[in-house]
Amino acid sequence: MEAAVDADVDGIVAECGGACACATCHAYIAEPWFARLPPLSDMEDAMLDSATGRRANSRLTCQIELTDELTGIEVHVADNGG
């Protein structure tokens, strides 16, 4: 989420600043990247329930810590109302 905001990526609103409290950084993670992410926390799962257009590969980008293993990750921004 922070990388997307810093790069002015359209659609990543990030109203809560990364606190996992708004779902305005909702995105779809492409395979095989989705399987490389840690599992959803209960809080992220609950926030995604309030997101428009939740899919099986939905994640909140504020909950994805970018590591060397995720270099090249493919993310598609959901319609986050921004």
C-alpha atoms as a PDB file:
ATOM      1  CA  MET A   1       0.000   0.000   0.000  1.00  0.00           C
ATOM      2  CA  GLU A   2       2.759   2.449   0.929  1.00  0.00           C
ATOM      3  CA  ALA A   3       4.631   1.721  -2.300  1.00  0.00           C
ATOM      4  CA  ALA A   4       1.429   2.238  -4.310  1.00  0.00           C
ATOM      5  CA  VAL A   5       0.654   5.524  -2.547  1.00  0.00           C
ATOM      6  CA  ASP A   6       4.243   6.730  -3.014  1.00  0.00           C
ATOM      7  CA  ALA A   7       3.995   5.882  -6.730  1.00  0.00           C
ATOM      8  CA  ASP A   8       0.589   7.608  -7.099  1.00  0.00           C
ATOM      9  CA  VAL A   9      -1.128   4.390  -8.207  1.00  0.00           C
ATOM     10  CA  ASP A  10      -4.713   5.239  -9.116  1.00  0.00           C
ATOM     11  CA  GLY A  11      -7.306   3.444  -7.003  1.00  0.00           C
ATOM     12  CA  ILE A  12      -5.272   2.866  -3.842  1.00  0.00           C
ATOM     13  CA  VAL A  13      -7.020   5.354  -1.562  1.00  0.00           C
ATOM     14  CA  ALA A  14      -5.565   4.081   1.741  1.00  0.00           C
ATOM     15  CA  GLU A  15      -7.845   6.215   3.910  1.00  0.00           C
ATOM     16  CA  CYS A  16      -6.723   4.556   7.162  1.00  0.00           C
ATOM     17  CA  GLY A  17      -3.024   4.859   6.383  1.00  0.00           C
ATOM     18  CA  GLY A  18      -2.368   1.139   6.649  1.00  0.00           C
ATOM     19  CA  ALA A  19      -4.224   0.329   9.864  1.00  0.00           C
ATOM     20  CA  CYS A  20      -6.358  -2.406   8.233  1.00  0.00           C
ATOM     21  CA  ALA A  21      -9.459  -0.401   9.026  1.00  0.00           C
ATOM     22  CA  CYS A  22     -11.031   0.672   5.732  1.00  0.00           C
ATOM     23  CA  ALA A  23     -10.421  -1.699   2.756  1.00  0.00           C
ATOM     24  CA  THR A  24      -9.645   1.245   0.424  1.00  0.00           C
ATOM     25  CA  CYS A  25      -6.392  -0.453  -0.619  1.00  0.00           C
ATOM     26  CA  HIS A  26      -8.200  -3.593  -1.794  1.00  0.00           C
ATOM     27  CA  ALA A  27      -6.522  -5.306  -4.732  1.00  0.00           C
ATOM     28  CA  TYR A  28      -6.463  -8.610  -6.571  1.00  0.00           C
ATOM     29  CA  ILE A  29      -3.225 -10.558  -6.407  1.00  0.00           C
ATOM     30  CA  ALA A  30      -2.272 -12.540  -9.502  1.00  0.00           C
ATOM     31  CA  GLU A  31      -1.335 -16.203  -9.305  1.00  0.00           C
ATOM     32  CA  PRO A  32       1.199 -17.530  -8.426  1.00  0.00           C
ATOM     33  CA  TRP A  33       1.855 -14.521  -6.195  1.00  0.00           C
ATOM     34  CA  PHE A  34      -1.247 -15.023  -4.082  1.00  0.00           C
ATOM     35  CA  ALA A  35       0.050 -18.354  -2.771  1.00  0.00           C
ATOM     36  CA  ARG A  36       3.311 -16.681  -1.675  1.00  0.00           C
ATOM     37  CA  LEU A  37       1.568 -14.300   0.716  1.00  0.00           C
ATOM     38  CA  PRO A  38       1.017 -15.037   4.379  1.00  0.00           C
ATOM     39  CA  PRO A  39      -2.523 -16.098   5.271  1.00  0.00           C
ATOM     40  CA  LEU A  40      -5.225 -13.521   5.907  1.00  0.00           C
ATOM     41  CA  SER A  41      -5.562 -12.332   9.468  1.00  0.00           C
ATOM     42  CA  ASP A  42      -9.049 -12.335  10.972  1.00  0.00           C
ATOM     43  CA  MET A  43      -9.018  -8.530  10.835  1.00  0.00           C
ATOM     44  CA  GLU A  44      -8.097  -8.418   7.139  1.00  0.00           C
ATOM     45  CA  ASP A  45     -10.715 -11.059   6.355  1.00  0.00           C
ATOM     46  CA  ALA A  46     -13.372  -8.977   8.132  1.00  0.00           C
ATOM     47  CA  MET A  47     -12.324  -5.809   6.299  1.00  0.00           C
ATOM     48  CA  LEU A  48     -12.430  -7.621   2.952  1.00  0.00           C
ATOM     49  CA  ASP A  49     -16.003  -8.664   3.733  1.00  0.00           C
ATOM     50  CA  SER A  50     -16.881  -4.952   3.525  1.00  0.00           C
ATOM     51  CA  ALA A  51     -14.954  -4.426   0.274  1.00  0.00           C
ATOM     52  CA  THR A  52     -16.774  -4.115  -3.027  1.00  0.00           C
ATOM     53  CA  GLY A  53     -16.001  -6.942  -5.420  1.00  0.00           C
ATOM     54  CA  ARG A  54     -14.225  -9.318  -3.065  1.00  0.00           C
ATOM     55  CA  ARG A  55     -12.746 -12.314  -4.878  1.00  0.00           C
ATOM     56  CA  ALA A  56     -10.795 -15.395  -3.828  1.00  0.00           C
ATOM     57  CA  ASN A  57      -7.548 -13.526  -4.626  1.00  0.00           C
ATOM     58  CA  SER A  58      -8.488 -10.293  -2.801  1.00  0.00           C
ATOM     59  CA  ARG A  59      -6.073  -8.796  -0.297  1.00  0.00           C
ATOM     60  CA  LEU A  60      -5.606  -5.467   1.407  1.00  0.00           C
ATOM     61  CA  THR A  61      -2.327  -4.101   0.134  1.00  0.00           C
ATOM     62  CA  CYS A  62      -1.603  -2.499   3.504  1.00  0.00           C
ATOM     63  CA  GLN A  63      -1.218  -6.010   4.882  1.00  0.00           C
ATOM     64  CA  ILE A  64       1.364  -7.149   2.334  1.00  0.00           C
ATOM     65  CA  GLU A  65       4.939  -6.623   3.461  1.00  0.00           C
ATOM     66  CA  LEU A  66       7.126  -6.319   0.394  1.00  0.00           C
ATOM     67  CA  THR A  67      10.086  -8.654   0.590  1.00  0.00           C
ATOM     68  CA  ASP A  68      12.713  -9.799  -1.900  1.00  0.00           C
ATOM     69  CA  GLU A  69      10.575 -12.897  -2.499  1.00  0.00           C
ATOM     70  CA  LEU A  70       7.766 -10.652  -3.782  1.00  0.00           C
ATOM     71  CA  THR A  71       9.881  -8.747  -6.302  1.00  0.00           C
ATOM     72  CA  GLY A  72       7.778  -8.535  -9.450  1.00  0.00           C
ATOM     73  CA  ILE A  73       4.441  -9.171  -7.721  1.00  0.00           C
ATOM     74  CA  GLU A  74       1.451  -8.565 -10.001  1.00  0.00           C
ATOM     75  CA  VAL A  75      -1.382  -6.637  -8.350  1.00  0.00           C
ATOM     76  CA  HIS A  76      -4.612  -5.413  -9.937  1.00  0.00           C
ATOM     77  CA  VAL A  77      -6.340  -2.553  -8.141  1.00  0.00           C
ATOM     78  CA  ALA A  78      -9.984  -3.132  -7.244  1.00  0.00           C
ATOM     79  CA  ASP A  79     -12.607  -0.398  -7.564  1.00  0.00           C
ATOM     80  CA  ASN A  80     -11.955   1.253  -4.211  1.00  0.00           C
ATOM     81  CA  GLY A  81     -14.094   4.327  -4.705  1.00  0.00           C
ATOM     82  CA  GLY A  82     -11.192   6.659  -5.219  1.00  0.00           C
END
